[in-house]
Amino acid sequence: MTTVVEFLQSIDQAKLTAGERARAILWWLGREDNTVGMGTAEICSIIERSGHPKQNVSRLDSQLSDDRRVSRVPGSKAWRLHPRGRTELDLIYADIAQTPRILKASDSILSRALFDGTRGYIEKVVRQINASYDTGLYDCCAVMCRRLLETLIIEVYEHVGRPADIKGKDGHFFMLADLVRTIAKDAAFNISRNAQRGLEEFKRLGDLAAHNRRFNAQKNDIDQIQPGLRVSAEELLHLAGLI
């Protein structure tokens, strides 16, 4: 749910009264700032836009005036929830109103432009790498970086028609450690020293973040491997024929 109208429609299956709808609207508006209020006419307009018939503004204003769970915003005719009323409705509506946070796209770890037009699933992983870093989810960021490098190495071998070279006897692709070891020794690709160093640095962090239950990655861990990750990723993209 992204709008107050959508929120009201989602809770209105219980056949709420106009006063209950009004309090729900005030709860929604004050989720982040409980000093925010709204006038009765605006509240009625929202109720009408959510699918209800025309509302009686005077009647609702009188109902809100008699309700101790709401109060006037000082210096205005707007209403807001009293703290007691907010606490009561938090228990009812908090879970319903949970919505995914919409993050601004960024290039904090890897430039999206570098990966544009490669593969949709690669572009998506890069977006998740940057988003997890931006929100402080550093273990998630490390694991997604690991996934990116695994994917790019596989893309390289598939591009030259040699995927069998990076598969075990069970037919599954190697894990990152063996993928890095294989491509580093492969004379056909001649991985640069900087790219190889970046792969090795990241492999160590990725292994810790993915497999060590007592390790939690920190911002500085990601910052230290970011330059090598950038070099490695671009070189692998070239080898895979993706740029």
C-alpha atoms as a PDB file:
ATOM      1  CA  MET A   1       0.000   0.000   0.000  1.00  0.00           C
ATOM      2  CA  THR A   2       1.394   3.384  -0.987  1.00  0.00           C
ATOM      3  CA  THR A   3      -1.540   5.782  -0.425  1.00  0.00           C
ATOM      4  CA  VAL A   4      -3.984   6.502   2.347  1.00  0.00           C
ATOM      5  CA  VAL A   5      -6.861   5.548   0.026  1.00  0.00           C
ATOM      6  CA  GLU A   6      -5.340   2.113  -0.602  1.00  0.00           C
ATOM      7  CA  PHE A   7      -4.798   1.677   3.139  1.00  0.00           C
ATOM      8  CA  LEU A   8      -8.404   2.582   3.897  1.00  0.00           C
ATOM      9  CA  GLN A   9      -9.698   0.197   1.245  1.00  0.00           C
ATOM     10  CA  SER A  10      -7.574  -2.615   2.698  1.00  0.00           C
ATOM     11  CA  ILE A  11      -9.053  -2.291   6.207  1.00  0.00           C
ATOM     12  CA  ASP A  12     -12.621  -1.456   5.245  1.00  0.00           C
ATOM     13  CA  GLN A  13     -13.788  -5.055   4.952  1.00  0.00           C
ATOM     14  CA  ALA A  14     -14.906  -4.864   8.588  1.00  0.00           C
ATOM     15  CA  LYS A  15     -17.689  -2.360   7.779  1.00  0.00           C
ATOM     16  CA  LEU A  16     -16.210   0.492   9.779  1.00  0.00           C
ATOM     17  CA  THR A  17     -18.175   3.543  10.866  1.00  0.00           C
ATOM     18  CA  ALA A  18     -17.282   6.983   9.518  1.00  0.00           C
ATOM     19  CA  GLY A  19     -15.613   7.820  12.828  1.00  0.00           C
ATOM     20  CA  GLU A  20     -13.507   4.644  12.703  1.00  0.00           C
ATOM     21  CA  ARG A  21     -12.469   5.410   9.151  1.00  0.00           C
ATOM     22  CA  ALA A  22     -11.507   8.929  10.179  1.00  0.00           C
ATOM     23  CA  ARG A  23      -9.331   7.670  13.034  1.00  0.00           C
ATOM     24  CA  ALA A  24      -7.691   5.147  10.703  1.00  0.00           C
ATOM     25  CA  ILE A  25      -6.875   7.955   8.254  1.00  0.00           C
ATOM     26  CA  LEU A  26      -5.367  10.070  11.042  1.00  0.00           C
ATOM     27  CA  TRP A  27      -3.324   7.074  12.182  1.00  0.00           C
ATOM     28  CA  TRP A  28      -1.956   6.576   8.652  1.00  0.00           C
ATOM     29  CA  LEU A  29      -1.052  10.238   8.258  1.00  0.00           C
ATOM     30  CA  GLY A  30       0.775  10.401  11.582  1.00  0.00           C
ATOM     31  CA  ARG A  31       2.841   7.237  11.305  1.00  0.00           C
ATOM     32  CA  GLU A  32       6.137   9.114  10.998  1.00  0.00           C
ATOM     33  CA  ASP A  33       5.134  12.437  12.538  1.00  0.00           C
ATOM     34  CA  ASN A  34       2.319  12.267  15.067  1.00  0.00           C
ATOM     35  CA  THR A  35       1.883  16.050  14.978  1.00  0.00           C
ATOM     36  CA  VAL A  36       0.470  15.852  11.451  1.00  0.00           C
ATOM     37  CA  GLY A  37      -3.269  16.447  11.211  1.00  0.00           C
ATOM     38  CA  MET A  38      -6.067  16.828   8.689  1.00  0.00           C
ATOM     39  CA  GLY A  39      -9.314  18.756   8.453  1.00  0.00           C
ATOM     40  CA  THR A  40     -12.714  17.080   8.497  1.00  0.00           C
ATOM     41  CA  ALA A  41     -13.522  17.987   4.891  1.00  0.00           C
ATOM     42  CA  GLU A  42     -10.276  16.391   3.680  1.00  0.00           C
ATOM     43  CA  ILE A  43     -10.984  13.270   5.730  1.00  0.00           C
ATOM     44  CA  CYS A  44     -14.439  13.017   4.150  1.00  0.00           C
ATOM     45  CA  SER A  45     -12.891  13.410   0.699  1.00  0.00           C
ATOM     46  CA  ILE A  46     -10.529  10.467   1.322  1.00  0.00           C
ATOM     47  CA  ILE A  47     -13.413   8.316   2.550  1.00  0.00           C
ATOM     48  CA  GLU A  48     -15.371   9.159  -0.593  1.00  0.00           C
ATOM     49  CA  ARG A  49     -12.384   8.426  -2.860  1.00  0.00           C
ATOM     50  CA  SER A  50     -12.045   5.004  -1.253  1.00  0.00           C
ATOM     51  CA  GLY A  51     -15.495   4.100  -2.588  1.00  0.00           C
ATOM     52  CA  HIS A  52     -18.028   5.413  -0.048  1.00  0.00           C
ATOM     53  CA  PRO A  53     -20.925   7.783  -0.744  1.00  0.00           C
ATOM     54  CA  LYS A  54     -20.742  11.508  -0.010  1.00  0.00           C
ATOM     55  CA  GLN A  55     -19.990  12.153   3.654  1.00  0.00           C
ATOM     56  CA  ASN A  56     -21.662  14.581   6.062  1.00  0.00           C
ATOM     57  CA  VAL A  57     -18.801  16.878   7.080  1.00  0.00           C
ATOM     58  CA  SER A  58     -20.657  18.521   9.983  1.00  0.00           C
ATOM     59  CA  ARG A  59     -21.739  15.183  11.450  1.00  0.00           C
ATOM     60  CA  LEU A  60     -18.230  13.719  11.278  1.00  0.00           C
ATOM     61  CA  ASP A  61     -16.754  16.904  12.774  1.00  0.00           C
ATOM     62  CA  SER A  62     -19.152  16.572  15.701  1.00  0.00           C
ATOM     63  CA  GLN A  63     -18.247  12.888  16.166  1.00  0.00           C
ATOM     64  CA  LEU A  64     -14.537  13.677  16.227  1.00  0.00           C
ATOM     65  CA  SER A  65     -15.116  16.508  18.689  1.00  0.00           C
ATOM     66  CA  ASP A  66     -16.747  14.038  21.104  1.00  0.00           C
ATOM     67  CA  ASP A  67     -14.017  11.409  20.647  1.00  0.00           C
ATOM     68  CA  ARG A  68     -11.292  11.563  23.320  1.00  0.00           C
ATOM     69  CA  ARG A  69      -8.924   9.589  21.090  1.00  0.00           C
ATOM     70  CA  VAL A  70      -8.509  12.587  18.778  1.00  0.00           C
ATOM     71  CA  SER A  71      -7.682  16.234  19.391  1.00  0.00           C
ATOM     72  CA  ARG A  72      -7.274  19.466  17.489  1.00  0.00           C
ATOM     73  CA  VAL A  73      -3.904  20.445  16.085  1.00  0.00           C
ATOM     74  CA  PRO A  74      -3.046  23.637  18.032  1.00  0.00           C
ATOM     75  CA  GLY A  75      -3.848  26.764  16.054  1.00  0.00           C
ATOM     76  CA  SER A  76      -5.844  24.990  13.351  1.00  0.00           C
ATOM     77  CA  LYS A  77      -9.087  23.161  12.633  1.00  0.00           C
ATOM     78  CA  ALA A  78      -7.269  19.942  11.732  1.00  0.00           C
ATOM     79  CA  TRP A  79      -7.575  16.766  13.754  1.00  0.00           C
ATOM     80  CA  ARG A  80      -4.832  14.423  14.925  1.00  0.00           C
ATOM     81  CA  LEU A  81      -4.747  11.285  17.027  1.00  0.00           C
ATOM     82  CA  HIS A  82      -4.196  11.580  20.763  1.00  0.00           C
ATOM     83  CA  PRO A  83      -1.235   9.384  21.872  1.00  0.00           C
ATOM     84  CA  ARG A  84      -3.676   7.032  23.583  1.00  0.00           C
ATOM     85  CA  GLY A  85      -5.602   6.606  20.351  1.00  0.00           C
ATOM     86  CA  ARG A  86      -2.414   6.071  18.358  1.00  0.00           C
ATOM     87  CA  THR A  87      -1.219   3.342  20.729  1.00  0.00           C
ATOM     88  CA  GLU A  88      -4.578   1.607  20.409  1.00  0.00           C
ATOM     89  CA  LEU A  89      -4.524   1.684  16.611  1.00  0.00           C
ATOM     90  CA  ASP A  90      -0.850   0.681  16.379  1.00  0.00           C
ATOM     91  CA  LEU A  91      -1.917  -2.736  17.647  1.00  0.00           C
ATOM     92  CA  ILE A  92      -4.560  -3.002  14.935  1.00  0.00           C
ATOM     93  CA  TYR A  93      -2.995  -1.442  11.855  1.00  0.00           C
ATOM     94  CA  ALA A  94       0.809  -1.583  12.158  1.00  0.00           C
ATOM     95  CA  ASP A  95       1.177  -4.981  10.465  1.00  0.00           C
ATOM     96  CA  ILE A  96      -1.408  -4.169   7.791  1.00  0.00           C
ATOM     97  CA  ALA A  97       0.377  -0.981   6.820  1.00  0.00           C
ATOM     98  CA  GLN A  98       3.810  -2.519   6.395  1.00  0.00           C
ATOM     99  CA  THR A  99       5.046  -1.750   2.891  1.00  0.00           C
ATOM    100  CA  PRO A 100       8.420  -2.369   1.269  1.00  0.00           C
ATOM    101  CA  ARG A 101      10.721   0.613   1.411  1.00  0.00           C
ATOM    102  CA  ILE A 102      11.301   2.071  -2.043  1.00  0.00           C
ATOM    103  CA  LEU A 103      15.019   2.764  -2.313  1.00  0.00           C
ATOM    104  CA  LYS A 104      16.608   5.282  -4.597  1.00  0.00           C
ATOM    105  CA  ALA A 105      18.779   3.488  -7.144  1.00  0.00           C
ATOM    106  CA  SER A 106      22.487   4.102  -6.613  1.00  0.00           C
ATOM    107  CA  ASP A 107      25.967   3.175  -7.793  1.00  0.00           C
ATOM    108  CA  SER A 108      27.437   2.907  -4.292  1.00  0.00           C
ATOM    109  CA  ILE A 109      29.425  -0.297  -4.930  1.00  0.00           C
ATOM    110  CA  LEU A 110      29.122  -1.004  -8.644  1.00  0.00           C
ATOM    111  CA  SER A 111      28.088   1.320 -11.437  1.00  0.00           C
ATOM    112  CA  ARG A 112      24.805   0.190 -12.945  1.00  0.00           C
ATOM    113  CA  ALA A 113      25.878   1.645 -16.300  1.00  0.00           C
ATOM    114  CA  LEU A 114      28.638  -0.959 -16.511  1.00  0.00           C
ATOM    115  CA  PHE A 115      26.068  -3.763 -16.409  1.00  0.00           C
ATOM    116  CA  ASP A 116      23.276  -2.210 -18.459  1.00  0.00           C
ATOM    117  CA  GLY A 117      22.385  -4.377 -21.428  1.00  0.00           C
ATOM    118  CA  THR A 118      24.218  -7.475 -20.139  1.00  0.00           C
ATOM    119  CA  ARG A 119      21.711  -9.894 -18.643  1.00  0.00           C
ATOM    120  CA  GLY A 120      18.549  -9.001 -16.742  1.00  0.00           C
ATOM    121  CA  TYR A 121      19.482 -11.261 -13.831  1.00  0.00           C
ATOM    122  CA  ILE A 122      22.958  -9.718 -13.617  1.00  0.00           C
ATOM    123  CA  GLU A 123      21.533  -6.189 -13.594  1.00  0.00           C
ATOM    124  CA  LYS A 124      19.158  -7.221 -10.801  1.00  0.00           C
ATOM    125  CA  VAL A 125      21.982  -8.625  -8.660  1.00  0.00           C
ATOM    126  CA  VAL A 126      23.943  -5.374  -9.067  1.00  0.00           C
ATOM    127  CA  ARG A 127      20.922  -3.352  -7.936  1.00  0.00           C
ATOM    128  CA  GLN A 128      20.634  -5.586  -4.869  1.00  0.00           C
ATOM    129  CA  ILE A 129      24.346  -5.216  -4.100  1.00  0.00           C
ATOM    130  CA  ASN A 130      24.072  -1.437  -4.070  1.00  0.00           C
ATOM    131  CA  ALA A 131      20.756  -1.403  -2.177  1.00  0.00           C
ATOM    132  CA  SER A 132      21.974  -3.754   0.565  1.00  0.00           C
ATOM    133  CA  TYR A 133      25.092  -1.643   1.066  1.00  0.00           C
ATOM    134  CA  ASP A 134      23.044   1.574   1.192  1.00  0.00           C
ATOM    135  CA  THR A 135      20.796   0.134   3.914  1.00  0.00           C
ATOM    136  CA  GLY A 136      23.636  -1.259   6.035  1.00  0.00           C
ATOM    137  CA  LEU A 137      22.967  -4.928   5.215  1.00  0.00           C
ATOM    138  CA  TYR A 138      26.636  -5.731   4.744  1.00  0.00           C
ATOM    139  CA  ASP A 139      26.404  -9.527   5.046  1.00  0.00           C
ATOM    140  CA  CYS A 140      23.697  -9.462   2.372  1.00  0.00           C
ATOM    141  CA  CYS A 141      25.886  -7.222   0.236  1.00  0.00           C
ATOM    142  CA  ALA A 142      28.846  -9.596   0.551  1.00  0.00           C
ATOM    143  CA  VAL A 143      26.753 -12.631  -0.323  1.00  0.00           C
ATOM    144  CA  MET A 144      25.263 -10.900  -3.368  1.00  0.00           C
ATOM    145  CA  CYS A 145      28.754  -9.861  -4.513  1.00  0.00           C
ATOM    146  CA  ARG A 146      29.775 -13.508  -4.219  1.00  0.00           C
ATOM    147  CA  ARG A 147      26.806 -14.490  -6.341  1.00  0.00           C
ATOM    148  CA  LEU A 148      27.731 -11.893  -8.969  1.00  0.00           C
ATOM    149  CA  LEU A 149      31.295 -13.161  -9.325  1.00  0.00           C
ATOM    150  CA  GLU A 150      30.153 -16.781  -9.505  1.00  0.00           C
ATOM    151  CA  THR A 151      27.677 -15.829 -12.225  1.00  0.00           C
ATOM    152  CA  LEU A 152      30.226 -13.858 -14.233  1.00  0.00           C
ATOM    153  CA  ILE A 153      32.818 -16.645 -14.190  1.00  0.00           C
ATOM    154  CA  ILE A 154      30.179 -19.092 -15.373  1.00  0.00           C
ATOM    155  CA  GLU A 155      29.207 -16.631 -18.116  1.00  0.00           C
ATOM    156  CA  VAL A 156      32.846 -16.552 -19.262  1.00  0.00           C
ATOM    157  CA  TYR A 157      33.066 -20.327 -19.654  1.00  0.00           C
ATOM    158  CA  GLU A 158      29.669 -20.597 -21.295  1.00  0.00           C
ATOM    159  CA  HIS A 159      30.655 -17.852 -23.725  1.00  0.00           C
ATOM    160  CA  VAL A 160      33.615 -19.915 -24.989  1.00  0.00           C
ATOM    161  CA  GLY A 161      31.680 -23.178 -24.941  1.00  0.00           C
ATOM    162  CA  ARG A 162      33.561 -24.744 -22.024  1.00  0.00           C
ATOM    163  CA  PRO A 163      31.063 -24.960 -19.139  1.00  0.00           C
ATOM    164  CA  ALA A 164      32.112 -28.548 -18.424  1.00  0.00           C
ATOM    165  CA  ASP A 165      35.493 -27.241 -17.264  1.00  0.00           C
ATOM    166  CA  ILE A 166      33.912 -25.666 -14.190  1.00  0.00           C
ATOM    167  CA  LYS A 167      31.564 -28.479 -13.226  1.00  0.00           C
ATOM    168  CA  GLY A 168      32.081 -31.301 -10.762  1.00  0.00           C
ATOM    169  CA  LYS A 169      31.328 -34.965 -11.287  1.00  0.00           C
ATOM    170  CA  ASP A 170      27.773 -34.317 -10.135  1.00  0.00           C
ATOM    171  CA  GLY A 171      27.237 -31.952 -13.080  1.00  0.00           C
ATOM    172  CA  HIS A 172      26.876 -28.868 -10.900  1.00  0.00           C
ATOM    173  CA  PHE A 173      28.998 -25.754 -11.246  1.00  0.00           C
ATOM    174  CA  PHE A 174      31.884 -25.282  -8.807  1.00  0.00           C
ATOM    175  CA  MET A 175      31.540 -23.009  -5.786  1.00  0.00           C
ATOM    176  CA  LEU A 176      33.336 -19.652  -5.878  1.00  0.00           C
ATOM    177  CA  ALA A 177      36.648 -20.889  -4.462  1.00  0.00           C
ATOM    178  CA  ASP A 178      37.073 -23.499  -7.205  1.00  0.00           C
ATOM    179  CA  LEU A 179      35.744 -21.136  -9.866  1.00  0.00           C
ATOM    180  CA  VAL A 180      38.355 -18.534  -8.914  1.00  0.00           C
ATOM    181  CA  ARG A 181      41.115 -21.140  -8.762  1.00  0.00           C
ATOM    182  CA  THR A 182      40.198 -22.520 -12.195  1.00  0.00           C
ATOM    183  CA  ILE A 183      39.945 -19.248 -14.077  1.00  0.00           C
ATOM    184  CA  ALA A 184      43.099 -17.872 -12.433  1.00  0.00           C
ATOM    185  CA  LYS A 185      45.112 -20.801 -13.823  1.00  0.00           C
ATOM    186  CA  ASP A 186      43.422 -20.822 -17.235  1.00  0.00           C
ATOM    187  CA  ALA A 187      45.927 -19.563 -19.810  1.00  0.00           C
ATOM    188  CA  ALA A 188      43.125 -19.019 -22.318  1.00  0.00           C
ATOM    189  CA  PHE A 189      41.913 -15.998 -20.364  1.00  0.00           C
ATOM    190  CA  ASN A 190      45.092 -14.597 -18.848  1.00  0.00           C
ATOM    191  CA  ILE A 191      43.314 -12.879 -15.967  1.00  0.00           C
ATOM    192  CA  SER A 192      45.150  -9.691 -14.988  1.00  0.00           C
ATOM    193  CA  ARG A 193      46.965  -9.534 -11.677  1.00  0.00           C
ATOM    194  CA  ASN A 194      44.624  -6.829 -10.362  1.00  0.00           C
ATOM    195  CA  ALA A 195      41.519  -8.790 -11.298  1.00  0.00           C
ATOM    196  CA  GLN A 196      42.920 -11.958  -9.770  1.00  0.00           C
ATOM    197  CA  ARG A 197      43.755 -10.098  -6.563  1.00  0.00           C
ATOM    198  CA  GLY A 198      40.236  -8.691  -6.465  1.00  0.00           C
ATOM    199  CA  LEU A 199      38.735 -12.160  -6.862  1.00  0.00           C
ATOM    200  CA  GLU A 200      40.905 -13.575  -4.079  1.00  0.00           C
ATOM    201  CA  GLU A 201      40.126 -10.682  -1.714  1.00  0.00           C
ATOM    202  CA  PHE A 202      36.450 -11.018  -2.292  1.00  0.00           C
ATOM    203  CA  LYS A 203      36.471 -14.818  -2.031  1.00  0.00           C
ATOM    204  CA  ARG A 204      37.774 -14.526   1.533  1.00  0.00           C
ATOM    205  CA  LEU A 205      35.075 -12.051   2.548  1.00  0.00           C
ATOM    206  CA  GLY A 206      32.338 -13.900   0.708  1.00  0.00           C
ATOM    207  CA  ASP A 207      33.260 -17.164   2.399  1.00  0.00           C
ATOM    208  CA  LEU A 208      33.152 -15.555   5.842  1.00  0.00           C
ATOM    209  CA  ALA A 209      29.817 -13.819   5.232  1.00  0.00           C
ATOM    210  CA  ALA A 210      28.204 -16.939   3.771  1.00  0.00           C
ATOM    211  CA  HIS A 211      29.602 -19.674   6.004  1.00  0.00           C
ATOM    212  CA  ASN A 212      30.952 -18.330   9.311  1.00  0.00           C
ATOM    213  CA  ARG A 213      28.108 -18.045  11.800  1.00  0.00           C
ATOM    214  CA  ARG A 214      30.163 -15.853  14.140  1.00  0.00           C
ATOM    215  CA  PHE A 215      31.176 -13.348  11.464  1.00  0.00           C
ATOM    216  CA  ASN A 216      29.172 -10.284  10.507  1.00  0.00           C
ATOM    217  CA  ALA A 217      30.468  -8.094   7.715  1.00  0.00           C
ATOM    218  CA  GLN A 218      30.956  -4.413   8.447  1.00  0.00           C
ATOM    219  CA  LYS A 219      30.941  -1.390   6.171  1.00  0.00           C
ATOM    220  CA  ASN A 220      34.727  -1.225   6.182  1.00  0.00           C
ATOM    221  CA  ASP A 221      34.944  -4.854   4.997  1.00  0.00           C
ATOM    222  CA  ILE A 222      32.944  -3.983   1.896  1.00  0.00           C
ATOM    223  CA  ASP A 223      34.780  -0.704   1.332  1.00  0.00           C
ATOM    224  CA  GLN A 224      38.145  -2.469   1.309  1.00  0.00           C
ATOM    225  CA  ILE A 225      37.202  -4.966  -1.393  1.00  0.00           C
ATOM    226  CA  GLN A 226      35.105  -2.587  -3.526  1.00  0.00           C
ATOM    227  CA  PRO A 227      37.936  -1.448  -5.883  1.00  0.00           C
ATOM    228  CA  GLY A 228      39.037  -5.034  -6.574  1.00  0.00           C
ATOM    229  CA  LEU A 229      35.452  -6.130  -7.069  1.00  0.00           C
ATOM    230  CA  ARG A 230      34.962  -3.403  -9.662  1.00  0.00           C
ATOM    231  CA  VAL A 231      38.106  -4.392 -11.587  1.00  0.00           C
ATOM    232  CA  SER A 232      37.304  -8.112 -11.471  1.00  0.00           C
ATOM    233  CA  ALA A 233      33.700  -7.658 -12.535  1.00  0.00           C
ATOM    234  CA  GLU A 234      34.577  -5.483 -15.544  1.00  0.00           C
ATOM    235  CA  GLU A 235      37.280  -7.864 -16.730  1.00  0.00           C
ATOM    236  CA  LEU A 236      34.923 -10.840 -16.446  1.00  0.00           C
ATOM    237  CA  LEU A 237      32.244  -8.947 -18.369  1.00  0.00           C
ATOM    238  CA  HIS A 238      34.712  -8.423 -21.219  1.00  0.00           C
ATOM    239  CA  LEU A 239      35.797 -12.071 -21.201  1.00  0.00           C
ATOM    240  CA  ALA A 240      32.151 -13.160 -21.263  1.00  0.00           C
ATOM    241  CA  GLY A 241      31.464 -10.975 -24.300  1.00  0.00           C
ATOM    242  CA  LEU A 242      28.896  -8.974 -22.370  1.00  0.00           C
ATOM    243  CA  ILE A 243      30.532  -5.567 -22.977  1.00  0.00           C
END
